[in-house]
């Protein structure tokens, strides 16, 4: 009788509390481990997806690397000589009655977008007397061969000497290295 209370406390209640604490701690550790595992699994899946995406981008870049090298080589060339030779080749392909270059001017300083940019550039003003169709072909050819040219201004007027030709005045920004 005297020990009944001690037996209940130390024999049943205290072991039950200790077992409950151990079981609760075990469940808490298990839930943290499961949450950590799931988080690490999702990070691993994201890492794999990023790796696949980076490999796809690298494959795309490697296909374009030749173009980038060609563009860098174009930027390394001296602009005035390159433009002159490209215009000469283009004019040789087009009929003389439909396409004539009338002027080339290299103004000092930069204008338009180039004035606000830290990238080196120069301006070039070109003048032509040509039919609309011949001029379109010349523009396509010139801008394909020299992607560093950016059209800044174009002015088209009727030619007083011929009804079929127009006078074109074009200003390009030529981006340089």
C-alpha atoms as a PDB file:
ATOM      1  CA  UNK A   1       0.000   0.000   0.000  1.00  0.00           C
ATOM      2  CA  UNK A   2       2.721   2.377   0.802  1.00  0.00           C
ATOM      3  CA  UNK A   3       4.437   1.739  -2.479  1.00  0.00           C
ATOM      4  CA  UNK A   4       1.377   1.831  -4.684  1.00  0.00           C
ATOM      5  CA  UNK A   5       1.836   5.451  -5.689  1.00  0.00           C
ATOM      6  CA  UNK A   6       5.574   4.970  -6.377  1.00  0.00           C
ATOM      7  CA  UNK A   7       4.888   1.828  -8.395  1.00  0.00           C
ATOM      8  CA  UNK A   8       2.267   3.645 -10.490  1.00  0.00           C
ATOM      9  CA  UNK A   9       4.506   6.681 -11.070  1.00  0.00           C
ATOM     10  CA  UNK A  10       7.803   4.864 -11.671  1.00  0.00           C
ATOM     11  CA  UNK A  11       6.386   1.650 -13.092  1.00  0.00           C
ATOM     12  CA  UNK A  12       3.716   2.896 -15.459  1.00  0.00           C
ATOM     13  CA  UNK A  13       3.544   6.677 -15.890  1.00  0.00           C
ATOM     14  CA  UNK A  14       7.254   7.466 -16.220  1.00  0.00           C
ATOM     15  CA  UNK A  15       7.929   4.611 -18.693  1.00  0.00           C
ATOM     16  CA  UNK A  16       4.822   5.649 -20.686  1.00  0.00           C
ATOM     17  CA  UNK A  17       6.043   9.275 -20.822  1.00  0.00           C
ATOM     18  CA  UNK A  18       9.556   8.175 -21.835  1.00  0.00           C
ATOM     19  CA  UNK A  19       8.147   5.829 -24.498  1.00  0.00           C
ATOM     20  CA  UNK A  20       5.879   8.607 -25.773  1.00  0.00           C
ATOM     21  CA  UNK A  21       8.796  11.061 -25.910  1.00  0.00           C
ATOM     22  CA  UNK A  22      11.013   8.559 -27.738  1.00  0.00           C
ATOM     23  CA  UNK A  23       8.199   7.676 -30.162  1.00  0.00           C
ATOM     24  CA  UNK A  24       7.385  11.395 -30.757  1.00  0.00           C
ATOM     25  CA  UNK A  25      11.069  12.201 -31.297  1.00  0.00           C
ATOM     26  CA  UNK A  26      11.384   9.280 -33.687  1.00  0.00           C
ATOM     27  CA  UNK A  27       8.328  10.404 -35.668  1.00  0.00           C
ATOM     28  CA  UNK A  28       9.659  13.983 -35.756  1.00  0.00           C
ATOM     29  CA  UNK A  29      13.054  12.808 -37.040  1.00  0.00           C
ATOM     30  CA  UNK A  30      11.387  10.587 -39.629  1.00  0.00           C
ATOM     31  CA  UNK A  31       9.205  13.446 -40.934  1.00  0.00           C
ATOM     32  CA  UNK A  32      12.250  15.750 -41.158  1.00  0.00           C
ATOM     33  CA  UNK A  33      14.224  13.048 -42.977  1.00  0.00           C
ATOM     34  CA  UNK A  34      11.346  12.440 -45.419  1.00  0.00           C
ATOM     35  CA  UNK A  35      10.974  16.204 -46.055  1.00  0.00           C
ATOM     36  CA  UNK A  36      14.734  16.550 -46.575  1.00  0.00           C
ATOM     37  CA  UNK A  37      14.754  13.561 -48.942  1.00  0.00           C
ATOM     38  CA  UNK A  38      11.862  14.968 -50.988  1.00  0.00           C
ATOM     39  CA  UNK A  39      13.537  18.384 -51.177  1.00  0.00           C
ATOM     40  CA  UNK A  40      16.796  16.813 -52.316  1.00  0.00           C
ATOM     41  CA  UNK A  41      14.924  14.698 -54.883  1.00  0.00           C
ATOM     42  CA  UNK A  42      13.236  17.803 -56.325  1.00  0.00           C
ATOM     43  CA  UNK A  43      16.577  19.644 -56.428  1.00  0.00           C
ATOM     44  CA  UNK A  44      18.128  16.663 -58.210  1.00  0.00           C
ATOM     45  CA  UNK A  45      15.309  16.603 -60.782  1.00  0.00           C
ATOM     46  CA  UNK A  46      15.691  20.359 -61.317  1.00  0.00           C
ATOM     47  CA  UNK A  47      19.438  19.918 -61.696  1.00  0.00           C
ATOM     48  CA  UNK A  48      18.927  17.182 -64.308  1.00  0.00           C
ATOM     49  CA  UNK A  49      16.429  19.364 -66.194  1.00  0.00           C
ATOM     50  CA  UNK A  50      18.854  22.318 -66.123  1.00  0.00           C
ATOM     51  CA  UNK A  51      21.626  20.057 -67.353  1.00  0.00           C
ATOM     52  CA  UNK A  52      19.484  18.830 -70.279  1.00  0.00           C
ATOM     53  CA  UNK A  53      18.493  22.427 -71.114  1.00  0.00           C
ATOM     54  CA  UNK A  54      22.100  23.623 -71.010  1.00  0.00           C
ATOM     55  CA  UNK A  55      23.149  20.764 -73.313  1.00  0.00           C
ATOM     56  CA  UNK A  56      20.375  21.716 -75.755  1.00  0.00           C
ATOM     57  CA  UNK A  57      21.482  25.362 -75.689  1.00  0.00           C
ATOM     58  CA  UNK A  58      25.106  24.322 -76.174  1.00  0.00           C
ATOM     59  CA  UNK A  59      24.068  22.257 -79.204  1.00  0.00           C
ATOM     60  CA  UNK A  60      22.284  25.277 -80.680  1.00  0.00           C
ATOM     61  CA  UNK A  61      25.261  27.535 -79.975  1.00  0.00           C
ATOM     62  CA  UNK A  62      27.720  25.112 -81.541  1.00  0.00           C
ATOM     63  CA  UNK A  63      25.665  25.192 -84.753  1.00  0.00           C
ATOM     64  CA  UNK A  64      25.883  29.002 -84.817  1.00  0.00           C
ATOM     65  CA  UNK A  65      29.571  29.224 -83.866  1.00  0.00           C
ATOM     66  CA  UNK A  66      30.661  29.417 -87.523  1.00  0.00           C
ATOM     67  CA  UNK A  67      28.386  32.403 -88.074  1.00  0.00           C
ATOM     68  CA  UNK A  68      29.734  34.163 -84.991  1.00  0.00           C
ATOM     69  CA  UNK A  69      33.305  33.589 -86.179  1.00  0.00           C
ATOM     70  CA  UNK A  70      32.382  34.965 -89.612  1.00  0.00           C
ATOM     71  CA  UNK A  71      30.757  38.027 -88.031  1.00  0.00           C
ATOM     72  CA  UNK A  72      33.813  38.624 -85.863  1.00  0.00           C
ATOM     73  CA  UNK A  73      35.993  38.418 -88.960  1.00  0.00           C
ATOM     74  CA  UNK A  74      33.736  40.973 -90.668  1.00  0.00           C
ATOM     75  CA  UNK A  75      34.080  43.335 -87.728  1.00  0.00           C
ATOM     76  CA  UNK A  76      37.866  42.984 -87.840  1.00  0.00           C
ATOM     77  CA  UNK A  77      38.015  44.234 -91.434  1.00  0.00           C
ATOM     78  CA  UNK A  78      38.430  47.908 -92.238  1.00  0.00           C
ATOM     79  CA  UNK A  79      34.936  49.283 -92.880  1.00  0.00           C
ATOM     80  CA  UNK A  80      35.585  51.682 -95.778  1.00  0.00           C
ATOM     81  CA  UNK A  81      37.420  49.182 -97.957  1.00  0.00           C
ATOM     82  CA  UNK A  82      34.974  46.390 -97.196  1.00  0.00           C
ATOM     83  CA  UNK A  83      31.932  48.528 -97.965  1.00  0.00           C
ATOM     84  CA  UNK A  84      33.466  49.802-101.190  1.00  0.00           C
ATOM     85  CA  UNK A  85      34.316  46.318-102.418  1.00  0.00           C
ATOM     86  CA  UNK A  86      30.897  44.906-101.439  1.00  0.00           C
ATOM     87  CA  UNK A  87      29.090  47.743-103.234  1.00  0.00           C
ATOM     88  CA  UNK A  88      31.266  47.158-106.307  1.00  0.00           C
ATOM     89  CA  UNK A  89      30.377  43.446-106.351  1.00  0.00           C
ATOM     90  CA  UNK A  90      26.688  44.203-105.922  1.00  0.00           C
ATOM     91  CA  UNK A  91      26.650  46.818-108.672  1.00  0.00           C
ATOM     92  CA  UNK A  92      28.411  44.386-111.021  1.00  0.00           C
ATOM     93  CA  UNK A  93      25.541  41.914-110.558  1.00  0.00           C
ATOM     94  CA  UNK A  94      22.797  44.455-111.335  1.00  0.00           C
ATOM     95  CA  UNK A  95      22.089  46.047-114.737  1.00  0.00           C
ATOM     96  CA  UNK A  96      23.742  49.472-115.128  1.00  0.00           C
ATOM     97  CA  UNK A  97      20.484  50.970-116.444  1.00  0.00           C
ATOM     98  CA  UNK A  98      18.658  49.930-113.258  1.00  0.00           C
ATOM     99  CA  UNK A  99      21.302  50.595-110.591  1.00  0.00           C
ATOM    100  CA  UNK A 100      23.920  53.312-110.225  1.00  0.00           C
ATOM    101  CA  UNK A 101      25.761  54.381-107.097  1.00  0.00           C
ATOM    102  CA  UNK A 102      26.043  58.160-107.109  1.00  0.00           C
ATOM    103  CA  UNK A 103      27.781  59.025-103.813  1.00  0.00           C
ATOM    104  CA  UNK A 104      29.495  57.698-100.699  1.00  0.00           C
ATOM    105  CA  UNK A 105      30.146  59.969 -97.743  1.00  0.00           C
ATOM    106  CA  UNK A 106      31.691  59.202 -94.350  1.00  0.00           C
ATOM    107  CA  UNK A 107      30.568  61.963 -91.956  1.00  0.00           C
ATOM    108  CA  UNK A 108      32.534  62.504 -88.749  1.00  0.00           C
ATOM    109  CA  UNK A 109      30.965  61.385 -85.493  1.00  0.00           C
ATOM    110  CA  UNK A 110      28.118  59.071 -84.726  1.00  0.00           C
ATOM    111  CA  UNK A 111      24.441  59.739 -85.002  1.00  0.00           C
ATOM    112  CA  UNK A 112      21.171  58.075 -84.114  1.00  0.00           C
ATOM    113  CA  UNK A 113      21.406  55.092 -81.795  1.00  0.00           C
ATOM    114  CA  UNK A 114      25.196  54.997 -82.080  1.00  0.00           C
ATOM    115  CA  UNK A 115      25.495  58.379 -80.372  1.00  0.00           C
ATOM    116  CA  UNK A 116      24.010  56.876 -77.204  1.00  0.00           C
ATOM    117  CA  UNK A 117      26.080  53.687 -77.353  1.00  0.00           C
ATOM    118  CA  UNK A 118      29.571  52.999 -76.067  1.00  0.00           C
ATOM    119  CA  UNK A 119      30.172  50.620 -79.020  1.00  0.00           C
ATOM    120  CA  UNK A 120      32.517  51.982 -81.697  1.00  0.00           C
ATOM    121  CA  UNK A 121      30.704  52.931 -84.866  1.00  0.00           C
ATOM    122  CA  UNK A 122      30.814  55.200 -87.872  1.00  0.00           C
ATOM    123  CA  UNK A 123      28.237  56.577 -90.236  1.00  0.00           C
ATOM    124  CA  UNK A 124      28.102  56.183 -93.963  1.00  0.00           C
ATOM    125  CA  UNK A 125      25.779  57.978 -96.355  1.00  0.00           C
ATOM    126  CA  UNK A 126      25.131  56.351 -99.690  1.00  0.00           C
ATOM    127  CA  UNK A 127      23.256  57.684-102.689  1.00  0.00           C
ATOM    128  CA  UNK A 128      21.894  55.640-105.583  1.00  0.00           C
ATOM    129  CA  UNK A 129      19.829  56.095-108.708  1.00  0.00           C
ATOM    130  CA  UNK A 130      17.963  52.850-109.276  1.00  0.00           C
ATOM    131  CA  UNK A 131      14.678  51.129-109.888  1.00  0.00           C
ATOM    132  CA  UNK A 132      12.799  50.077-106.792  1.00  0.00           C
ATOM    133  CA  UNK A 133      13.289  46.376-107.500  1.00  0.00           C
ATOM    134  CA  UNK A 134      17.022  46.709-108.173  1.00  0.00           C
ATOM    135  CA  UNK A 135      17.444  48.744-104.999  1.00  0.00           C
ATOM    136  CA  UNK A 136      15.631  46.089-102.952  1.00  0.00           C
ATOM    137  CA  UNK A 137      17.999  43.451-104.301  1.00  0.00           C
ATOM    138  CA  UNK A 138      20.996  45.669-103.536  1.00  0.00           C
ATOM    139  CA  UNK A 139      19.822  46.337 -99.965  1.00  0.00           C
ATOM    140  CA  UNK A 140      19.189  42.648 -99.309  1.00  0.00           C
ATOM    141  CA  UNK A 141      22.580  41.709-100.687  1.00  0.00           C
ATOM    142  CA  UNK A 142      24.446  44.470 -98.832  1.00  0.00           C
ATOM    143  CA  UNK A 143      22.785  43.854 -95.472  1.00  0.00           C
ATOM    144  CA  UNK A 144      23.293  40.095 -95.817  1.00  0.00           C
ATOM    145  CA  UNK A 145      26.971  40.473 -96.579  1.00  0.00           C
ATOM    146  CA  UNK A 146      27.519  43.141 -93.926  1.00  0.00           C
ATOM    147  CA  UNK A 147      25.323  42.440 -90.900  1.00  0.00           C
ATOM    148  CA  UNK A 148      27.145  45.140 -88.919  1.00  0.00           C
ATOM    149  CA  UNK A 149      25.304  47.809 -90.937  1.00  0.00           C
ATOM    150  CA  UNK A 150      22.195  49.214 -89.302  1.00  0.00           C
ATOM    151  CA  UNK A 151      19.844  51.318 -91.384  1.00  0.00           C
ATOM    152  CA  UNK A 152      19.467  54.703 -89.751  1.00  0.00           C
ATOM    153  CA  UNK A 153      17.722  56.781 -92.385  1.00  0.00           C
ATOM    154  CA  UNK A 154      16.376  56.353 -95.902  1.00  0.00           C
ATOM    155  CA  UNK A 155      15.034  58.964 -98.269  1.00  0.00           C
ATOM    156  CA  UNK A 156      13.440  58.116-101.614  1.00  0.00           C
ATOM    157  CA  UNK A 157      12.675  60.764-104.253  1.00  0.00           C
ATOM    158  CA  UNK A 158      11.542  60.441-107.872  1.00  0.00           C
ATOM    159  CA  UNK A 159      14.342  60.878-110.362  1.00  0.00           C
ATOM    160  CA  UNK A 160      13.882  63.911-112.655  1.00  0.00           C
ATOM    161  CA  UNK A 161      15.810  62.212-115.475  1.00  0.00           C
ATOM    162  CA  UNK A 162      13.748  59.017-115.710  1.00  0.00           C
ATOM    163  CA  UNK A 163      10.259  57.968-114.706  1.00  0.00           C
ATOM    164  CA  UNK A 164      11.305  54.403-113.881  1.00  0.00           C
ATOM    165  CA  UNK A 165      14.183  55.269-111.533  1.00  0.00           C
ATOM    166  CA  UNK A 166      14.267  56.751-108.071  1.00  0.00           C
ATOM    167  CA  UNK A 167      16.921  58.603-106.091  1.00  0.00           C
ATOM    168  CA  UNK A 168      17.804  56.850-102.844  1.00  0.00           C
ATOM    169  CA  UNK A 169      19.737  58.474-100.006  1.00  0.00           C
ATOM    170  CA  UNK A 170      20.604  56.035 -97.244  1.00  0.00           C
ATOM    171  CA  UNK A 171      22.419  56.511 -93.944  1.00  0.00           C
ATOM    172  CA  UNK A 172      23.834  53.473 -92.186  1.00  0.00           C
ATOM    173  CA  UNK A 173      25.477  53.073 -88.814  1.00  0.00           C
ATOM    174  CA  UNK A 174      28.441  50.763 -89.266  1.00  0.00           C
ATOM    175  CA  UNK A 175      29.267  48.993 -86.003  1.00  0.00           C
ATOM    176  CA  UNK A 176      32.955  48.359 -85.456  1.00  0.00           C
ATOM    177  CA  UNK A 177      35.143  46.514 -82.982  1.00  0.00           C
END
